[in-house]
Amino acid sequence: MARVFIHCTHGSENPTRAGLAWLMAKGLVESGHQPEIILAGDGAILAKKVVADSVLPVGLPPLKELIEFALQNRIPIHV
């Protein structure tokens, strides 16, 4: 089991790139690893629920669903 830090540096200005960090964290949990997400730069705006709930990545689940998964699985999120 690996501990993995994921930097999310994109927010609502690039929803698909913002979603990739959260999707990677989901995949890591499902693979038995321990991810942590670091929101930096434009990604820090995702700490606001109203913003995160409106982000719709292309070809990925809505960010709201990915964040709910992260919270349910107690993935540490640093801002």
PDB file of N, CA and C in Angstrom:
ATOM      1  N   MET A   1       0.841  -1.169   0.000  1.00  0.00           N
ATOM      2  CA  MET A   1       0.000   0.000   0.000  1.00  0.00           C
ATOM      3  C   MET A   1       0.891   1.238   0.000  1.00  0.00           C
ATOM      4  N   ALA A   2       0.627   2.136  -0.937  1.00  0.00           N
ATOM      5  CA  ALA A   2       1.428   3.349  -1.055  1.00  0.00           C
ATOM      6  C   ALA A   2       0.639   4.563  -0.570  1.00  0.00           C
ATOM      7  N   ARG A   3       1.365   5.520  -0.062  1.00  0.00           N
ATOM      8  CA  ARG A   3       0.786   6.810   0.301  1.00  0.00           C
ATOM      9  C   ARG A   3       1.130   7.763  -0.844  1.00  0.00           C
ATOM     10  N   VAL A   4       0.096   8.363  -1.448  1.00  0.00           N
ATOM     11  CA  VAL A   4       0.296   9.173  -2.644  1.00  0.00           C
ATOM     12  C   VAL A   4      -0.293  10.565  -2.437  1.00  0.00           C
ATOM     13  N   PHE A   5       0.495  11.593  -2.741  1.00  0.00           N
ATOM     14  CA  PHE A   5       0.024  12.972  -2.666  1.00  0.00           C
ATOM     15  C   PHE A   5      -0.327  13.444  -4.068  1.00  0.00           C
ATOM     16  N   ILE A   6      -1.517  14.004  -4.214  1.00  0.00           N
ATOM     17  CA  ILE A   6      -1.983  14.489  -5.511  1.00  0.00           C
ATOM     18  C   ILE A   6      -2.192  15.996  -5.408  1.00  0.00           C
ATOM     19  N   HIS A   7      -1.498  16.750  -6.263  1.00  0.00           N
ATOM     20  CA  HIS A   7      -1.671  18.203  -6.300  1.00  0.00           C
ATOM     21  C   HIS A   7      -2.762  18.543  -7.306  1.00  0.00           C
ATOM     22  N   CYS A   8      -3.771  19.241  -6.843  1.00  0.00           N
ATOM     23  CA  CYS A   8      -4.831  19.732  -7.721  1.00  0.00           C
ATOM     24  C   CYS A   8      -4.635  21.232  -7.856  1.00  0.00           C
ATOM     25  N   THR A   9      -4.156  21.669  -9.023  1.00  0.00           N
ATOM     26  CA  THR A   9      -3.856  23.083  -9.225  1.00  0.00           C
ATOM     27  C   THR A   9      -4.848  23.751 -10.168  1.00  0.00           C
ATOM     28  N   HIS A  10      -5.905  23.036 -10.537  1.00  0.00           N
ATOM     29  CA  HIS A  10      -6.918  23.594 -11.433  1.00  0.00           C
ATOM     30  C   HIS A  10      -8.259  23.601 -10.715  1.00  0.00           C
ATOM     31  N   GLY A  11      -9.048  24.612 -11.021  1.00  0.00           N
ATOM     32  CA  GLY A  11     -10.371  24.737 -10.406  1.00  0.00           C
ATOM     33  C   GLY A  11     -11.434  24.851 -11.473  1.00  0.00           C
ATOM     34  N   SER A  12     -12.388  25.735 -11.250  1.00  0.00           N
ATOM     35  CA  SER A  12     -13.517  25.880 -12.164  1.00  0.00           C
ATOM     36  C   SER A  12     -13.106  26.415 -13.539  1.00  0.00           C
ATOM     37  N   GLU A  13     -11.916  26.989 -13.663  1.00  0.00           N
ATOM     38  CA  GLU A  13     -11.456  27.496 -14.957  1.00  0.00           C
ATOM     39  C   GLU A  13     -11.100  26.365 -15.918  1.00  0.00           C
ATOM     40  N   ASN A  14     -10.827  25.179 -15.392  1.00  0.00           N
ATOM     41  CA  ASN A  14     -10.526  24.010 -16.224  1.00  0.00           C
ATOM     42  C   ASN A  14     -11.110  22.772 -15.526  1.00  0.00           C
ATOM     43  N   PRO A  15     -12.418  22.568 -15.680  1.00  0.00           N
ATOM     44  CA  PRO A  15     -13.099  21.518 -14.922  1.00  0.00           C
ATOM     45  C   PRO A  15     -12.554  20.109 -15.158  1.00  0.00           C
ATOM     46  N   THR A  16     -12.122  19.813 -16.373  1.00  0.00           N
ATOM     47  CA  THR A  16     -11.633  18.459 -16.648  1.00  0.00           C
ATOM     48  C   THR A  16     -10.326  18.193 -15.915  1.00  0.00           C
ATOM     49  N   ARG A  17      -9.405  19.137 -15.957  1.00  0.00           N
ATOM     50  CA  ARG A  17      -8.146  18.958 -15.224  1.00  0.00           C
ATOM     51  C   ARG A  17      -8.380  18.935 -13.717  1.00  0.00           C
ATOM     52  N   ALA A  18      -9.333  19.718 -13.244  1.00  0.00           N
ATOM     53  CA  ALA A  18      -9.666  19.703 -11.810  1.00  0.00           C
ATOM     54  C   ALA A  18     -10.191  18.321 -11.418  1.00  0.00           C
ATOM     55  N   GLY A  19     -11.007  17.735 -12.255  1.00  0.00           N
ATOM     56  CA  GLY A  19     -11.596  16.429 -11.958  1.00  0.00           C
ATOM     57  C   GLY A  19     -10.595  15.291 -11.969  1.00  0.00           C
ATOM     58  N   LEU A  20      -9.531  15.425 -12.747  1.00  0.00           N
ATOM     59  CA  LEU A  20      -8.547  14.340 -12.847  1.00  0.00           C
ATOM     60  C   LEU A  20      -7.904  14.004 -11.503  1.00  0.00           C
ATOM     61  N   ALA A  21      -7.599  15.009 -10.710  1.00  0.00           N
ATOM     62  CA  ALA A  21      -6.969  14.761  -9.403  1.00  0.00           C
ATOM     63  C   ALA A  21      -7.892  13.920  -8.524  1.00  0.00           C
ATOM     64  N   TRP A  22      -9.171  14.266  -8.518  1.00  0.00           N
ATOM     65  CA  TRP A  22     -10.147  13.564  -7.675  1.00  0.00           C
ATOM     66  C   TRP A  22     -10.401  12.148  -8.209  1.00  0.00           C
ATOM     67  N   LEU A  23     -10.397  12.001  -9.541  1.00  0.00           N
ATOM     68  CA  LEU A  23     -10.578  10.673 -10.143  1.00  0.00           C
ATOM     69  C   LEU A  23      -9.377   9.776  -9.826  1.00  0.00           C
ATOM     70  N   MET A  24      -8.168  10.346  -9.863  1.00  0.00           N
ATOM     71  CA  MET A  24      -6.975   9.568  -9.506  1.00  0.00           C
ATOM     72  C   MET A  24      -7.049   9.113  -8.053  1.00  0.00           C
ATOM     73  N   ALA A  25      -7.500   9.994  -7.170  1.00  0.00           N
ATOM     74  CA  ALA A  25      -7.630   9.628  -5.758  1.00  0.00           C
ATOM     75  C   ALA A  25      -8.621   8.482  -5.589  1.00  0.00           C
ATOM     76  N   LYS A  26      -9.725   8.539  -6.317  1.00  0.00           N
ATOM     77  CA  LYS A  26     -10.729   7.465  -6.253  1.00  0.00           C
ATOM     78  C   LYS A  26     -10.121   6.141  -6.699  1.00  0.00           C
ATOM     79  N   GLY A  27      -9.401   6.169  -7.809  1.00  0.00           N
ATOM     80  CA  GLY A  27      -8.760   4.955  -8.306  1.00  0.00           C
ATOM     81  C   GLY A  27      -7.735   4.398  -7.332  1.00  0.00           C
ATOM     82  N   LEU A  28      -7.007   5.285  -6.682  1.00  0.00           N
ATOM     83  CA  LEU A  28      -6.010   4.837  -5.706  1.00  0.00           C
ATOM     84  C   LEU A  28      -6.675   4.159  -4.510  1.00  0.00           C
ATOM     85  N   VAL A  29      -7.763   4.731  -4.019  1.00  0.00           N
ATOM     86  CA  VAL A  29      -8.486   4.108  -2.895  1.00  0.00           C
ATOM     87  C   VAL A  29      -8.990   2.732  -3.315  1.00  0.00           C
ATOM     88  N   GLU A  30      -9.574   2.661  -4.509  1.00  0.00           N
ATOM     89  CA  GLU A  30     -10.110   1.388  -5.002  1.00  0.00           C
ATOM     90  C   GLU A  30      -9.013   0.352  -5.224  1.00  0.00           C
ATOM     91  N   SER A  31      -7.768   0.803  -5.370  1.00  0.00           N
ATOM     92  CA  SER A  31      -6.629  -0.099  -5.547  1.00  0.00           C
ATOM     93  C   SER A  31      -5.927  -0.416  -4.235  1.00  0.00           C
ATOM     94  N   GLY A  32      -6.446   0.126  -3.125  1.00  0.00           N
ATOM     95  CA  GLY A  32      -5.891  -0.184  -1.817  1.00  0.00           C
ATOM     96  C   GLY A  32      -4.801   0.761  -1.336  1.00  0.00           C
ATOM     97  N   HIS A  33      -4.654   1.906  -1.972  1.00  0.00           N
ATOM     98  CA  HIS A  33      -3.626   2.872  -1.585  1.00  0.00           C
ATOM     99  C   HIS A  33      -4.225   3.992  -0.732  1.00  0.00           C
ATOM    100  N   GLN A  34      -3.363   4.870  -0.224  1.00  0.00           N
ATOM    101  CA  GLN A  34      -3.780   5.966   0.648  1.00  0.00           C
ATOM    102  C   GLN A  34      -3.442   7.308   0.001  1.00  0.00           C
ATOM    103  N   PRO A  35      -4.362   7.862  -0.806  1.00  0.00           N
ATOM    104  CA  PRO A  35      -4.082   9.165  -1.409  1.00  0.00           C
ATOM    105  C   PRO A  35      -4.401  10.315  -0.463  1.00  0.00           C
ATOM    106  N   GLU A  36      -3.765  11.440  -0.720  1.00  0.00           N
ATOM    107  CA  GLU A  36      -4.097  12.706  -0.076  1.00  0.00           C
ATOM    108  C   GLU A  36      -4.139  13.741  -1.184  1.00  0.00           C
ATOM    109  N   ILE A  37      -5.096  14.653  -1.112  1.00  0.00           N
ATOM    110  CA  ILE A  37      -5.250  15.682  -2.136  1.00  0.00           C
ATOM    111  C   ILE A  37      -4.802  17.024  -1.565  1.00  0.00           C
ATOM    112  N   ILE A  38      -3.989  17.725  -2.342  1.00  0.00           N
ATOM    113  CA  ILE A  38      -3.525  19.054  -1.963  1.00  0.00           C
ATOM    114  C   ILE A  38      -4.108  20.036  -2.972  1.00  0.00           C
ATOM    115  N   LEU A  39      -4.953  20.951  -2.502  1.00  0.00           N
ATOM    116  CA  LEU A  39      -5.545  21.977  -3.356  1.00  0.00           C
ATOM    117  C   LEU A  39      -4.640  23.200  -3.320  1.00  0.00           C
ATOM    118  N   ALA A  40      -4.069  23.547  -4.459  1.00  0.00           N
ATOM    119  CA  ALA A  40      -3.150  24.680  -4.527  1.00  0.00           C
ATOM    120  C   ALA A  40      -3.499  25.549  -5.726  1.00  0.00           C
ATOM    121  N   GLY A  41      -3.100  26.804  -5.682  1.00  0.00           N
ATOM    122  CA  GLY A  41      -3.364  27.714  -6.794  1.00  0.00           C
ATOM    123  C   GLY A  41      -4.858  27.810  -7.068  1.00  0.00           C
ATOM    124  N   ASP A  42      -5.235  27.681  -8.348  1.00  0.00           N
ATOM    125  CA  ASP A  42      -6.647  27.759  -8.720  1.00  0.00           C
ATOM    126  C   ASP A  42      -7.461  26.617  -8.130  1.00  0.00           C
ATOM    127  N   GLY A  43      -6.822  25.525  -7.776  1.00  0.00           N
ATOM    128  CA  GLY A  43      -7.529  24.389  -7.181  1.00  0.00           C
ATOM    129  C   GLY A  43      -8.100  24.689  -5.808  1.00  0.00           C
ATOM    130  N   ALA A  44      -7.548  25.676  -5.117  1.00  0.00           N
ATOM    131  CA  ALA A  44      -8.023  26.008  -3.771  1.00  0.00           C
ATOM    132  C   ALA A  44      -9.474  26.462  -3.765  1.00  0.00           C
ATOM    133  N   ILE A  45      -9.967  26.991  -4.880  1.00  0.00           N
ATOM    134  CA  ILE A  45     -11.358  27.447  -4.946  1.00  0.00           C
ATOM    135  C   ILE A  45     -12.329  26.269  -4.805  1.00  0.00           C
ATOM    136  N   LEU A  46     -11.849  25.058  -5.057  1.00  0.00           N
ATOM    137  CA  LEU A  46     -12.711  23.877  -4.940  1.00  0.00           C
ATOM    138  C   LEU A  46     -13.062  23.562  -3.492  1.00  0.00           C
ATOM    139  N   ALA A  47     -12.417  24.225  -2.558  1.00  0.00           N
ATOM    140  CA  ALA A  47     -12.765  24.049  -1.152  1.00  0.00           C
ATOM    141  C   ALA A  47     -14.128  24.670  -0.846  1.00  0.00           C
ATOM    142  N   LYS A  48     -14.605  25.547  -1.719  1.00  0.00           N
ATOM    143  CA  LYS A  48     -15.931  26.140  -1.558  1.00  0.00           C
ATOM    144  C   LYS A  48     -16.956  25.204  -2.194  1.00  0.00           C
ATOM    145  N   LYS A  49     -17.893  24.723  -1.384  1.00  0.00           N
ATOM    146  CA  LYS A  49     -18.882  23.750  -1.851  1.00  0.00           C
ATOM    147  C   LYS A  49     -19.678  24.261  -3.049  1.00  0.00           C
ATOM    148  N   VAL A  50     -20.079  25.519  -3.014  1.00  0.00           N
ATOM    149  CA  VAL A  50     -20.887  26.064  -4.111  1.00  0.00           C
ATOM    150  C   VAL A  50     -20.130  26.020  -5.439  1.00  0.00           C
ATOM    151  N   VAL A  51     -18.830  26.202  -5.402  1.00  0.00           N
ATOM    152  CA  VAL A  51     -18.016  26.118  -6.617  1.00  0.00           C
ATOM    153  C   VAL A  51     -17.846  24.659  -7.030  1.00  0.00           C
ATOM    154  N   ALA A  52     -17.437  23.825  -6.103  1.00  0.00           N
ATOM    155  CA  ALA A  52     -17.193  22.410  -6.418  1.00  0.00           C
ATOM    156  C   ALA A  52     -18.441  21.724  -6.967  1.00  0.00           C
ATOM    157  N   ASP A  53     -19.600  22.068  -6.436  1.00  0.00           N
ATOM    158  CA  ASP A  53     -20.846  21.446  -6.891  1.00  0.00           C
ATOM    159  C   ASP A  53     -21.191  21.813  -8.329  1.00  0.00           C
ATOM    160  N   SER A  54     -20.630  22.910  -8.835  1.00  0.00           N
ATOM    161  CA  SER A  54     -20.960  23.354 -10.193  1.00  0.00           C
ATOM    162  C   SER A  54     -19.953  22.894 -11.243  1.00  0.00           C
ATOM    163  N   VAL A  55     -18.876  22.245 -10.826  1.00  0.00           N
ATOM    164  CA  VAL A  55     -17.825  21.838 -11.768  1.00  0.00           C
ATOM    165  C   VAL A  55     -18.208  20.516 -12.433  1.00  0.00           C
ATOM    166  N   LEU A  56     -18.267  20.540 -13.771  1.00  0.00           N
ATOM    167  CA  LEU A  56     -18.634  19.355 -14.549  1.00  0.00           C
ATOM    168  C   LEU A  56     -17.517  19.017 -15.542  1.00  0.00           C
ATOM    169  N   PRO A  57     -16.607  18.118 -15.154  1.00  0.00           N
ATOM    170  CA  PRO A  57     -15.525  17.731 -16.056  1.00  0.00           C
ATOM    171  C   PRO A  57     -16.065  16.999 -17.291  1.00  0.00           C
ATOM    172  N   VAL A  58     -15.389  17.149 -18.407  1.00  0.00           N
ATOM    173  CA  VAL A  58     -15.770  16.460 -19.636  1.00  0.00           C
ATOM    174  C   VAL A  58     -15.262  15.020 -19.580  1.00  0.00           C
ATOM    175  N   GLY A  59     -16.145  14.064 -19.782  1.00  0.00           N
ATOM    176  CA  GLY A  59     -15.758  12.658 -19.822  1.00  0.00           C
ATOM    177  C   GLY A  59     -15.498  12.025 -18.467  1.00  0.00           C
ATOM    178  N   LEU A  60     -15.767  12.751 -17.379  1.00  0.00           N
ATOM    179  CA  LEU A  60     -15.563  12.248 -16.020  1.00  0.00           C
ATOM    180  C   LEU A  60     -16.856  12.449 -15.236  1.00  0.00           C
ATOM    181  N   PRO A  61     -16.994  11.779 -14.091  1.00  0.00           N
ATOM    182  CA  PRO A  61     -18.162  12.045 -13.250  1.00  0.00           C
ATOM    183  C   PRO A  61     -18.153  13.495 -12.763  1.00  0.00           C
ATOM    184  N   PRO A  62     -19.323  14.025 -12.416  1.00  0.00           N
ATOM    185  CA  PRO A  62     -19.347  15.380 -11.843  1.00  0.00           C
ATOM    186  C   PRO A  62     -18.434  15.464 -10.626  1.00  0.00           C
ATOM    187  N   LEU A  63     -17.787  16.601 -10.462  1.00  0.00           N
ATOM    188  CA  LEU A  63     -16.848  16.764  -9.357  1.00  0.00           C
ATOM    189  C   LEU A  63     -17.537  16.534  -8.016  1.00  0.00           C
ATOM    190  N   LYS A  64     -18.794  16.916  -7.923  1.00  0.00           N
ATOM    191  CA  LYS A  64     -19.556  16.720  -6.687  1.00  0.00           C
ATOM    192  C   LYS A  64     -19.517  15.248  -6.253  1.00  0.00           C
ATOM    193  N   GLU A  65     -19.696  14.327  -7.208  1.00  0.00           N
ATOM    194  CA  GLU A  65     -19.669  12.892  -6.904  1.00  0.00           C
ATOM    195  C   GLU A  65     -18.278  12.436  -6.466  1.00  0.00           C
ATOM    196  N   LEU A  66     -17.252  12.937  -7.132  1.00  0.00           N
ATOM    197  CA  LEU A  66     -15.881  12.545  -6.783  1.00  0.00           C
ATOM    198  C   LEU A  66     -15.495  13.056  -5.403  1.00  0.00           C
ATOM    199  N   ILE A  67     -15.935  14.262  -5.069  1.00  0.00           N
ATOM    200  CA  ILE A  67     -15.638  14.817  -3.748  1.00  0.00           C
ATOM    201  C   ILE A  67     -16.397  14.049  -2.675  1.00  0.00           C
ATOM    202  N   GLU A  68     -17.648  13.682  -2.952  1.00  0.00           N
ATOM    203  CA  GLU A  68     -18.416  12.872  -1.994  1.00  0.00           C
ATOM    204  C   GLU A  68     -17.707  11.552  -1.722  1.00  0.00           C
ATOM    205  N   PHE A  69     -17.165  10.927  -2.773  1.00  0.00           N
ATOM    206  CA  PHE A  69     -16.413   9.682  -2.600  1.00  0.00           C
ATOM    207  C   PHE A  69     -15.201   9.920  -1.701  1.00  0.00           C
ATOM    208  N   ALA A  70     -14.485  11.020  -1.967  1.00  0.00           N
ATOM    209  CA  ALA A  70     -13.292  11.333  -1.166  1.00  0.00           C
ATOM    210  C   ALA A  70     -13.661  11.528   0.300  1.00  0.00           C
ATOM    211  N   LEU A  71     -14.739  12.236   0.559  1.00  0.00           N
ATOM    212  CA  LEU A  71     -15.154  12.479   1.944  1.00  0.00           C
ATOM    213  C   LEU A  71     -15.616  11.190   2.625  1.00  0.00           C
ATOM    214  N   GLN A  72     -16.381  10.374   1.911  1.00  0.00           N
ATOM    215  CA  GLN A  72     -16.853   9.104   2.472  1.00  0.00           C
ATOM    216  C   GLN A  72     -15.700   8.170   2.799  1.00  0.00           C
ATOM    217  N   ASN A  73     -14.638   8.258   2.035  1.00  0.00           N
ATOM    218  CA  ASN A  73     -13.479   7.384   2.242  1.00  0.00           C
ATOM    219  C   ASN A  73     -12.371   8.061   3.040  1.00  0.00           C
ATOM    220  N   ARG A  74     -12.694   9.199   3.606  1.00  0.00           N
ATOM    221  CA  ARG A  74     -11.786   9.920   4.504  1.00  0.00           C
ATOM    222  C   ARG A  74     -10.427  10.219   3.878  1.00  0.00           C
ATOM    223  N   ILE A  75     -10.448  10.601   2.612  1.00  0.00           N
ATOM    224  CA  ILE A  75      -9.217  11.019   1.957  1.00  0.00           C
ATOM    225  C   ILE A  75      -8.852  12.405   2.505  1.00  0.00           C
ATOM    226  N   PRO A  76      -7.667  12.560   3.082  1.00  0.00           N
ATOM    227  CA  PRO A  76      -7.274  13.875   3.576  1.00  0.00           C
ATOM    228  C   PRO A  76      -7.178  14.890   2.435  1.00  0.00           C
ATOM    229  N   ILE A  77      -7.728  16.080   2.667  1.00  0.00           N
ATOM    230  CA  ILE A  77      -7.699  17.153   1.669  1.00  0.00           C
ATOM    231  C   ILE A  77      -7.050  18.363   2.340  1.00  0.00           C
ATOM    232  N   HIS A  78      -5.962  18.839   1.738  1.00  0.00           N
ATOM    233  CA  HIS A  78      -5.215  19.975   2.285  1.00  0.00           C
ATOM    234  C   HIS A  78      -5.392  21.178   1.379  1.00  0.00           C
ATOM    235  N   VAL A  79      -5.599  22.337   1.977  1.00  0.00           N
ATOM    236  CA  VAL A  79      -5.747  23.569   1.201  1.00  0.00           C
ATOM    237  C   VAL A  79      -4.616  24.508   1.570  1.00  0.00           C
TER     238      VAL A  79
END
